[in-house]
Amino acid sequence: MRAKVLAICFGLSAAILANQAKAIEICPRSDRYTCVVDGGTLWLDGINYRLRGYDTPEEHTNICGGFREIDLAREATQRLIELLNQNDWEL
C-alpha cells in the first residue's frame, strides 16, 4: 500500500483534520486507524500518510547505527506524537 505524502504545519489555525478530542498515540501492530507509526509516518482515519521533508530513523529496518539509531527512532516517534497532541495542526 502506498502512503500519501503530506506536509503538516504546526501552530496554525484550528482547521484540524484529525480528531484531537482523543490523543493520538503510537500505532499498535494491527488496527491502524488514527495513530503514529514512526517519526515520519502516521495514519489518519484509516489512511496512511508519509510526512514530506521528514527523514527520521526507523526502528524496524536495516539499522546501521545500532542501538543509538533505535533510540533516535523512538525519540523521533515520541516527538511527533507530542507535536500532534500539543498543537493545532492542519494538513
PDB file of N, CA and C in Angstrom:
ATOM      1  N   MET A   1       0.853  -1.165   0.000  1.00  0.00           N
ATOM      2  CA  MET A   1       0.000   0.000   0.000  1.00  0.00           C
ATOM      3  C   MET A   1       0.898   1.226   0.000  1.00  0.00           C
ATOM      4  N   ARG A   2       0.601   2.156  -0.839  1.00  0.00           N
ATOM      5  CA  ARG A   2       1.374   3.377  -0.950  1.00  0.00           C
ATOM      6  C   ARG A   2       0.860   4.435   0.006  1.00  0.00           C
ATOM      7  N   ALA A   3       1.758   5.079   0.687  1.00  0.00           N
ATOM      8  CA  ALA A   3       1.372   6.139   1.622  1.00  0.00           C
ATOM      9  C   ALA A   3       1.221   7.446   0.869  1.00  0.00           C
ATOM     10  N   LYS A   4       0.287   8.253   1.298  1.00  0.00           N
ATOM     11  CA  LYS A   4       0.158   9.604   0.763  1.00  0.00           C
ATOM     12  C   LYS A   4       1.238  10.456   1.400  1.00  0.00           C
ATOM     13  N   VAL A   5       1.837  11.319   0.609  1.00  0.00           N
ATOM     14  CA  VAL A   5       2.871  12.209   1.111  1.00  0.00           C
ATOM     15  C   VAL A   5       2.231  13.541   1.447  1.00  0.00           C
ATOM     16  N   LEU A   6       2.562  14.096   2.603  1.00  0.00           N
ATOM     17  CA  LEU A   6       1.947  15.334   3.024  1.00  0.00           C
ATOM     18  C   LEU A   6       2.884  16.167   3.855  1.00  0.00           C
ATOM     19  N   ALA A   7       2.524  17.389   3.998  1.00  0.00           N
ATOM     20  CA  ALA A   7       3.253  18.287   4.890  1.00  0.00           C
ATOM     21  C   ALA A   7       2.302  18.676   6.003  1.00  0.00           C
ATOM     22  N   ILE A   8       2.786  18.693   7.207  1.00  0.00           N
ATOM     23  CA  ILE A   8       1.977  19.122   8.348  1.00  0.00           C
ATOM     24  C   ILE A   8       2.544  20.446   8.834  1.00  0.00           C
ATOM     25  N   CYS A   9       1.673  21.384   9.054  1.00  0.00           N
ATOM     26  CA  CYS A   9       2.069  22.676   9.606  1.00  0.00           C
ATOM     27  C   CYS A   9       1.541  22.763  11.031  1.00  0.00           C
ATOM     28  N   PHE A  10       2.415  23.077  11.955  1.00  0.00           N
ATOM     29  CA  PHE A  10       2.028  23.171  13.354  1.00  0.00           C
ATOM     30  C   PHE A  10       1.803  24.618  13.744  1.00  0.00           C
ATOM     31  N   GLY A  11       0.931  24.819  14.746  1.00  0.00           N
ATOM     32  CA  GLY A  11       0.708  26.138  15.288  1.00  0.00           C
ATOM     33  C   GLY A  11      -0.122  27.028  14.393  1.00  0.00           C
ATOM     34  N   LEU A  12      -0.936  26.464  13.527  1.00  0.00           N
ATOM     35  CA  LEU A  12      -1.769  27.254  12.635  1.00  0.00           C
ATOM     36  C   LEU A  12      -3.176  27.371  13.183  1.00  0.00           C
ATOM     37  N   SER A  13      -4.094  27.752  12.352  1.00  0.00           N
ATOM     38  CA  SER A  13      -5.480  27.927  12.774  1.00  0.00           C
ATOM     39  C   SER A  13      -6.079  26.604  13.226  1.00  0.00           C
ATOM     40  N   ALA A  14      -7.312  26.670  13.639  1.00  0.00           N
ATOM     41  CA  ALA A  14      -7.979  25.486  14.172  1.00  0.00           C
ATOM     42  C   ALA A  14      -8.563  24.603  13.087  1.00  0.00           C
ATOM     43  N   ALA A  15      -8.090  24.702  11.867  1.00  0.00           N
ATOM     44  CA  ALA A  15      -8.551  23.816  10.789  1.00  0.00           C
ATOM     45  C   ALA A  15      -7.837  22.487  10.965  1.00  0.00           C
ATOM     46  N   ILE A  16      -8.429  21.609  11.727  1.00  0.00           N
ATOM     47  CA  ILE A  16      -7.776  20.377  12.150  1.00  0.00           C
ATOM     48  C   ILE A  16      -8.468  19.191  11.495  1.00  0.00           C
ATOM     49  N   LEU A  17      -7.670  18.353  10.802  1.00  0.00           N
ATOM     50  CA  LEU A  17      -8.229  17.178  10.153  1.00  0.00           C
ATOM     51  C   LEU A  17      -8.463  16.056  11.161  1.00  0.00           C
ATOM     52  N   ALA A  18      -7.480  15.791  12.002  1.00  0.00           N
ATOM     53  CA  ALA A  18      -7.593  14.682  12.942  1.00  0.00           C
ATOM     54  C   ALA A  18      -8.495  15.072  14.104  1.00  0.00           C
ATOM     55  N   ASN A  19      -9.111  14.095  14.686  1.00  0.00           N
ATOM     56  CA  ASN A  19      -9.963  14.311  15.849  1.00  0.00           C
ATOM     57  C   ASN A  19      -9.072  14.450  17.078  1.00  0.00           C
ATOM     58  N   GLN A  20      -8.871  15.681  17.524  1.00  0.00           N
ATOM     59  CA  GLN A  20      -7.982  15.872  18.652  1.00  0.00           C
ATOM     60  C   GLN A  20      -8.703  15.765  19.993  1.00  0.00           C
ATOM     61  N   ALA A  21      -9.966  15.375  19.981  1.00  0.00           N
ATOM     62  CA  ALA A  21     -10.658  15.129  21.232  1.00  0.00           C
ATOM     63  C   ALA A  21     -10.006  13.934  21.927  1.00  0.00           C
ATOM     64  N   LYS A  22      -9.458  13.022  21.125  1.00  0.00           N
ATOM     65  CA  LYS A  22      -8.756  11.866  21.656  1.00  0.00           C
ATOM     66  C   LYS A  22      -7.291  11.983  21.238  1.00  0.00           C
ATOM     67  N   ALA A  23      -6.386  11.795  22.157  1.00  0.00           N
ATOM     68  CA  ALA A  23      -4.962  11.924  21.874  1.00  0.00           C
ATOM     69  C   ALA A  23      -4.513  10.889  20.851  1.00  0.00           C
ATOM     70  N   ILE A  24      -3.625  11.314  19.975  1.00  0.00           N
ATOM     71  CA  ILE A  24      -3.027  10.401  19.009  1.00  0.00           C
ATOM     72  C   ILE A  24      -1.901   9.665  19.714  1.00  0.00           C
ATOM     73  N   GLU A  25      -1.841   8.368  19.527  1.00  0.00           N
ATOM     74  CA  GLU A  25      -0.854   7.529  20.199  1.00  0.00           C
ATOM     75  C   GLU A  25      -0.057   6.747  19.172  1.00  0.00           C
ATOM     76  N   ILE A  26       0.932   5.994  19.640  1.00  0.00           N
ATOM     77  CA  ILE A  26       1.703   5.134  18.765  1.00  0.00           C
ATOM     78  C   ILE A  26       0.813   3.998  18.253  1.00  0.00           C
ATOM     79  N   CYS A  27       1.033   3.588  17.008  1.00  0.00           N
ATOM     80  CA  CYS A  27       0.194   2.550  16.402  1.00  0.00           C
ATOM     81  C   CYS A  27       0.450   1.184  17.029  1.00  0.00           C
ATOM     82  N   PRO A  28      -0.627   0.449  17.254  1.00  0.00           N
ATOM     83  CA  PRO A  28      -0.454  -0.947  17.631  1.00  0.00           C
ATOM     84  C   PRO A  28      -0.022  -1.736  16.393  1.00  0.00           C
ATOM     85  N   ARG A  29       0.344  -2.960  16.545  1.00  0.00           N
ATOM     86  CA  ARG A  29       0.760  -3.788  15.405  1.00  0.00           C
ATOM     87  C   ARG A  29      -0.361  -3.965  14.385  1.00  0.00           C
ATOM     88  N   SER A  30      -1.582  -3.980  14.856  1.00  0.00           N
ATOM     89  CA  SER A  30      -2.727  -4.125  13.947  1.00  0.00           C
ATOM     90  C   SER A  30      -3.715  -2.998  14.227  1.00  0.00           C
ATOM     91  N   ASP A  31      -4.756  -2.920  13.452  1.00  0.00           N
ATOM     92  CA  ASP A  31      -5.816  -1.935  13.659  1.00  0.00           C
ATOM     93  C   ASP A  31      -5.286  -0.508  13.641  1.00  0.00           C
ATOM     94  N   ARG A  32      -4.572  -0.178  12.564  1.00  0.00           N
ATOM     95  CA  ARG A  32      -4.045   1.186  12.410  1.00  0.00           C
ATOM     96  C   ARG A  32      -5.115   2.051  11.768  1.00  0.00           C
ATOM     97  N   TYR A  33      -5.661   2.962  12.560  1.00  0.00           N
ATOM     98  CA  TYR A  33      -6.707   3.845  12.047  1.00  0.00           C
ATOM     99  C   TYR A  33      -6.299   5.317  12.200  1.00  0.00           C
ATOM    100  N   THR A  34      -6.042   5.764  13.409  1.00  0.00           N
ATOM    101  CA  THR A  34      -5.502   7.104  13.662  1.00  0.00           C
ATOM    102  C   THR A  34      -4.426   6.950  14.725  1.00  0.00           C
ATOM    103  N   CYS A  35      -3.160   6.984  14.270  1.00  0.00           N
ATOM    104  CA  CYS A  35      -2.038   6.754  15.172  1.00  0.00           C
ATOM    105  C   CYS A  35      -0.733   7.108  14.460  1.00  0.00           C
ATOM    106  N   VAL A  36       0.361   7.136  15.214  1.00  0.00           N
ATOM    107  CA  VAL A  36       1.688   7.426  14.672  1.00  0.00           C
ATOM    108  C   VAL A  36       2.472   6.126  14.559  1.00  0.00           C
ATOM    109  N   VAL A  37       3.031   5.877  13.366  1.00  0.00           N
ATOM    110  CA  VAL A  37       3.850   4.688  13.129  1.00  0.00           C
ATOM    111  C   VAL A  37       5.283   4.948  13.589  1.00  0.00           C
ATOM    112  N   ASP A  38       5.849   6.063  13.113  1.00  0.00           N
ATOM    113  CA  ASP A  38       7.207   6.452  13.478  1.00  0.00           C
ATOM    114  C   ASP A  38       7.325   7.962  13.312  1.00  0.00           C
ATOM    115  N   GLY A  39       8.532   8.486  13.359  1.00  0.00           N
ATOM    116  CA  GLY A  39       8.730   9.918  13.310  1.00  0.00           C
ATOM    117  C   GLY A  39       8.337  10.586  12.004  1.00  0.00           C
ATOM    118  N   GLY A  40       8.016   9.802  10.978  1.00  0.00           N
ATOM    119  CA  GLY A  40       7.645  10.378   9.693  1.00  0.00           C
ATOM    120  C   GLY A  40       6.414   9.772   9.059  1.00  0.00           C
ATOM    121  N   THR A  41       5.696   8.922   9.769  1.00  0.00           N
ATOM    122  CA  THR A  41       4.539   8.223   9.205  1.00  0.00           C
ATOM    123  C   THR A  41       3.398   8.173  10.204  1.00  0.00           C
ATOM    124  N   LEU A  42       2.189   8.458   9.734  1.00  0.00           N
ATOM    125  CA  LEU A  42       1.019   8.341  10.595  1.00  0.00           C
ATOM    126  C   LEU A  42      -0.194   7.884   9.796  1.00  0.00           C
ATOM    127  N   TRP A  43      -1.174   7.423  10.512  1.00  0.00           N
ATOM    128  CA  TRP A  43      -2.469   7.037   9.960  1.00  0.00           C
ATOM    129  C   TRP A  43      -3.508   8.016  10.477  1.00  0.00           C
ATOM    130  N   LEU A  44      -4.355   8.508   9.582  1.00  0.00           N
ATOM    131  CA  LEU A  44      -5.473   9.373   9.953  1.00  0.00           C
ATOM    132  C   LEU A  44      -6.728   8.826   9.302  1.00  0.00           C
ATOM    133  N   ASP A  45      -7.689   8.471  10.115  1.00  0.00           N
ATOM    134  CA  ASP A  45      -8.959   7.942   9.619  1.00  0.00           C
ATOM    135  C   ASP A  45      -8.758   6.803   8.632  1.00  0.00           C
ATOM    136  N   GLY A  46      -7.804   5.923   8.918  1.00  0.00           N
ATOM    137  CA  GLY A  46      -7.581   4.743   8.099  1.00  0.00           C
ATOM    138  C   GLY A  46      -6.738   4.967   6.854  1.00  0.00           C
ATOM    139  N   ILE A  47      -6.182   6.159   6.686  1.00  0.00           N
ATOM    140  CA  ILE A  47      -5.336   6.461   5.525  1.00  0.00           C
ATOM    141  C   ILE A  47      -3.909   6.669   6.009  1.00  0.00           C
ATOM    142  N   ASN A  48      -2.962   6.004   5.334  1.00  0.00           N
ATOM    143  CA  ASN A  48      -1.552   6.082   5.694  1.00  0.00           C
ATOM    144  C   ASN A  48      -0.921   7.306   5.037  1.00  0.00           C
ATOM    145  N   TYR A  49      -0.218   8.135   5.834  1.00  0.00           N
ATOM    146  CA  TYR A  49       0.445   9.334   5.346  1.00  0.00           C
ATOM    147  C   TYR A  49       1.928   9.298   5.691  1.00  0.00           C
ATOM    148  N   ARG A  50       2.743   9.747   4.770  1.00  0.00           N
ATOM    149  CA  ARG A  50       4.180   9.900   4.978  1.00  0.00           C
ATOM    150  C   ARG A  50       4.480  11.398   4.959  1.00  0.00           C
ATOM    151  N   LEU A  51       5.158  11.901   5.972  1.00  0.00           N
ATOM    152  CA  LEU A  51       5.418  13.323   6.075  1.00  0.00           C
ATOM    153  C   LEU A  51       6.515  13.758   5.100  1.00  0.00           C
ATOM    154  N   ARG A  52       6.230  14.762   4.321  1.00  0.00           N
ATOM    155  CA  ARG A  52       7.196  15.293   3.357  1.00  0.00           C
ATOM    156  C   ARG A  52       8.249  16.108   4.109  1.00  0.00           C
ATOM    157  N   GLY A  53       9.511  15.878   3.757  1.00  0.00           N
ATOM    158  CA  GLY A  53      10.591  16.639   4.367  1.00  0.00           C
ATOM    159  C   GLY A  53      11.075  16.097   5.704  1.00  0.00           C
ATOM    160  N   TYR A  54      10.503  15.015   6.169  1.00  0.00           N
ATOM    161  CA  TYR A  54      10.927  14.390   7.424  1.00  0.00           C
ATOM    162  C   TYR A  54      11.666  13.102   7.074  1.00  0.00           C
ATOM    163  N   ASP A  55      12.884  12.965   7.531  1.00  0.00           N
ATOM    164  CA  ASP A  55      13.657  11.746   7.309  1.00  0.00           C
ATOM    165  C   ASP A  55      14.201  11.309   8.654  1.00  0.00           C
ATOM    166  N   THR A  56      13.370  10.597   9.389  1.00  0.00           N
ATOM    167  CA  THR A  56      13.755  10.187  10.739  1.00  0.00           C
ATOM    168  C   THR A  56      14.225   8.738  10.729  1.00  0.00           C
ATOM    169  N   PRO A  57      15.051   8.355  11.688  1.00  0.00           N
ATOM    170  CA  PRO A  57      15.470   6.952  11.787  1.00  0.00           C
ATOM    171  C   PRO A  57      14.250   6.061  12.001  1.00  0.00           C
ATOM    172  N   GLU A  58      14.334   4.843  11.495  1.00  0.00           N
ATOM    173  CA  GLU A  58      13.241   3.883  11.683  1.00  0.00           C
ATOM    174  C   GLU A  58      13.746   2.710  12.501  1.00  0.00           C
ATOM    175  N   GLU A  59      12.950   2.328  13.441  1.00  0.00           N
ATOM    176  CA  GLU A  59      13.363   1.332  14.426  1.00  0.00           C
ATOM    177  C   GLU A  59      13.433  -0.089  13.869  1.00  0.00           C
ATOM    178  N   HIS A  60      12.630  -0.394  12.855  1.00  0.00           N
ATOM    179  CA  HIS A  60      12.482  -1.794  12.436  1.00  0.00           C
ATOM    180  C   HIS A  60      13.009  -2.076  11.037  1.00  0.00           C
ATOM    181  N   THR A  61      13.979  -1.307  10.550  1.00  0.00           N
ATOM    182  CA  THR A  61      14.559  -1.570   9.232  1.00  0.00           C
ATOM    183  C   THR A  61      16.014  -1.969   9.400  1.00  0.00           C
ATOM    184  N   ASN A  62      16.713  -2.116   8.298  1.00  0.00           N
ATOM    185  CA  ASN A  62      18.139  -2.438   8.388  1.00  0.00           C
ATOM    186  C   ASN A  62      18.871  -1.288   9.057  1.00  0.00           C
ATOM    187  N   ILE A  63      19.188  -1.478  10.301  1.00  0.00           N
ATOM    188  CA  ILE A  63      19.754  -0.402  11.102  1.00  0.00           C
ATOM    189  C   ILE A  63      21.272  -0.507  11.070  1.00  0.00           C
ATOM    190  N   CYS A  64      21.904   0.554  10.588  1.00  0.00           N
ATOM    191  CA  CYS A  64      23.368   0.561  10.572  1.00  0.00           C
ATOM    192  C   CYS A  64      23.923   1.383  11.725  1.00  0.00           C
ATOM    193  N   GLY A  65      23.061   2.077  12.453  1.00  0.00           N
ATOM    194  CA  GLY A  65      23.511   2.895  13.573  1.00  0.00           C
ATOM    195  C   GLY A  65      23.409   2.189  14.904  1.00  0.00           C
ATOM    196  N   GLY A  66      23.000   0.934  14.879  1.00  0.00           N
ATOM    197  CA  GLY A  66      22.928   0.153  16.108  1.00  0.00           C
ATOM    198  C   GLY A  66      21.894   0.668  17.095  1.00  0.00           C
ATOM    199  N   PHE A  67      22.175   0.477  18.360  1.00  0.00           N
ATOM    200  CA  PHE A  67      21.222   0.842  19.408  1.00  0.00           C
ATOM    201  C   PHE A  67      20.991   2.349  19.479  1.00  0.00           C
ATOM    202  N   ARG A  68      21.987   3.150  19.107  1.00  0.00           N
ATOM    203  CA  ARG A  68      21.803   4.609  19.113  1.00  0.00           C
ATOM    204  C   ARG A  68      20.741   5.009  18.102  1.00  0.00           C
ATOM    205  N   GLU A  69      20.747   4.353  16.931  1.00  0.00           N
ATOM    206  CA  GLU A  69      19.734   4.658  15.921  1.00  0.00           C
ATOM    207  C   GLU A  69      18.337   4.244  16.388  1.00  0.00           C
ATOM    208  N   ILE A  70      18.252   3.130  17.082  1.00  0.00           N
ATOM    209  CA  ILE A  70      16.967   2.692  17.636  1.00  0.00           C
ATOM    210  C   ILE A  70      16.462   3.730  18.640  1.00  0.00           C
ATOM    211  N   ASP A  71      17.348   4.213  19.497  1.00  0.00           N
ATOM    212  CA  ASP A  71      16.970   5.254  20.469  1.00  0.00           C
ATOM    213  C   ASP A  71      16.495   6.518  19.759  1.00  0.00           C
ATOM    214  N   LEU A  72      17.207   6.940  18.717  1.00  0.00           N
ATOM    215  CA  LEU A  72      16.819   8.129  17.964  1.00  0.00           C
ATOM    216  C   LEU A  72      15.469   7.942  17.274  1.00  0.00           C
ATOM    217  N   ALA A  73      15.218   6.748  16.761  1.00  0.00           N
ATOM    218  CA  ALA A  73      13.928   6.458  16.122  1.00  0.00           C
ATOM    219  C   ALA A  73      12.794   6.584  17.133  1.00  0.00           C
ATOM    220  N   ARG A  74      12.992   6.056  18.305  1.00  0.00           N
ATOM    221  CA  ARG A  74      11.962   6.145  19.350  1.00  0.00           C
ATOM    222  C   ARG A  74      11.744   7.588  19.788  1.00  0.00           C
ATOM    223  N   GLU A  75      12.819   8.370  19.885  1.00  0.00           N
ATOM    224  CA  GLU A  75      12.692   9.783  20.248  1.00  0.00           C
ATOM    225  C   GLU A  75      11.919  10.554  19.175  1.00  0.00           C
ATOM    226  N   ALA A  76      12.198  10.263  17.902  1.00  0.00           N
ATOM    227  CA  ALA A  76      11.502  10.941  16.807  1.00  0.00           C
ATOM    228  C   ALA A  76      10.013  10.605  16.825  1.00  0.00           C
ATOM    229  N   THR A  77       9.684   9.363  17.087  1.00  0.00           N
ATOM    230  CA  THR A  77       8.284   8.945  17.162  1.00  0.00           C
ATOM    231  C   THR A  77       7.571   9.670  18.294  1.00  0.00           C
ATOM    232  N   GLN A  78       8.184   9.702  19.471  1.00  0.00           N
ATOM    233  CA  GLN A  78       7.577  10.376  20.618  1.00  0.00           C
ATOM    234  C   GLN A  78       7.437  11.871  20.376  1.00  0.00           C
ATOM    235  N   ARG A  79       8.407  12.462  19.691  1.00  0.00           N
ATOM    236  CA  ARG A  79       8.332  13.904  19.428  1.00  0.00           C
ATOM    237  C   ARG A  79       7.196  14.221  18.471  1.00  0.00           C
ATOM    238  N   LEU A  80       6.985  13.407  17.451  1.00  0.00           N
ATOM    239  CA  LEU A  80       5.860  13.635  16.546  1.00  0.00           C
ATOM    240  C   LEU A  80       4.540  13.508  17.297  1.00  0.00           C
ATOM    241  N   ILE A  81       4.421  12.524  18.165  1.00  0.00           N
ATOM    242  CA  ILE A  81       3.208  12.362  18.974  1.00  0.00           C
ATOM    243  C   ILE A  81       2.987  13.606  19.832  1.00  0.00           C
ATOM    244  N   GLU A  82       4.037  14.105  20.465  1.00  0.00           N
ATOM    245  CA  GLU A  82       3.925  15.316  21.285  1.00  0.00           C
ATOM    246  C   GLU A  82       3.458  16.506  20.448  1.00  0.00           C
ATOM    247  N   LEU A  83       4.072  16.704  19.289  1.00  0.00           N
ATOM    248  CA  LEU A  83       3.709  17.838  18.431  1.00  0.00           C
ATOM    249  C   LEU A  83       2.252  17.760  17.993  1.00  0.00           C
ATOM    250  N   LEU A  84       1.802  16.564  17.628  1.00  0.00           N
ATOM    251  CA  LEU A  84       0.423  16.414  17.181  1.00  0.00           C
ATOM    252  C   LEU A  84      -0.574  16.665  18.303  1.00  0.00           C
ATOM    253  N   ASN A  85      -0.230  16.217  19.505  1.00  0.00           N
ATOM    254  CA  ASN A  85      -1.150  16.313  20.634  1.00  0.00           C
ATOM    255  C   ASN A  85      -1.110  17.666  21.350  1.00  0.00           C
ATOM    256  N   GLN A  86      -0.037  18.423  21.199  1.00  0.00           N
ATOM    257  CA  GLN A  86       0.106  19.669  21.947  1.00  0.00           C
ATOM    258  C   GLN A  86      -0.093  20.922  21.090  1.00  0.00           C
ATOM    259  N   ASN A  87      -0.373  20.764  19.821  1.00  0.00           N
ATOM    260  CA  ASN A  87      -0.502  21.909  18.928  1.00  0.00           C
ATOM    261  C   ASN A  87      -1.714  21.757  18.012  1.00  0.00           C
ATOM    262  N   ASP A  88      -2.247  22.884  17.588  1.00  0.00           N
ATOM    263  CA  ASP A  88      -3.204  22.854  16.483  1.00  0.00           C
ATOM    264  C   ASP A  88      -2.401  22.574  15.224  1.00  0.00           C
ATOM    265  N   TRP A  89      -2.951  21.811  14.306  1.00  0.00           N
ATOM    266  CA  TRP A  89      -2.235  21.498  13.077  1.00  0.00           C
ATOM    267  C   TRP A  89      -3.218  21.214  11.961  1.00  0.00           C
ATOM    268  N   GLU A  90      -2.739  21.331  10.754  1.00  0.00           N
ATOM    269  CA  GLU A  90      -3.575  21.039   9.588  1.00  0.00           C
ATOM    270  C   GLU A  90      -2.730  20.382   8.523  1.00  0.00           C
ATOM    271  N   LEU A  91      -3.409  19.692   7.628  1.00  0.00           N
ATOM    272  CA  LEU A  91      -2.731  19.049   6.511  1.00  0.00           C
ATOM    273  C   LEU A  91      -2.846  19.946   5.303  1.00  0.00           C
TER     274      LEU A  91
END
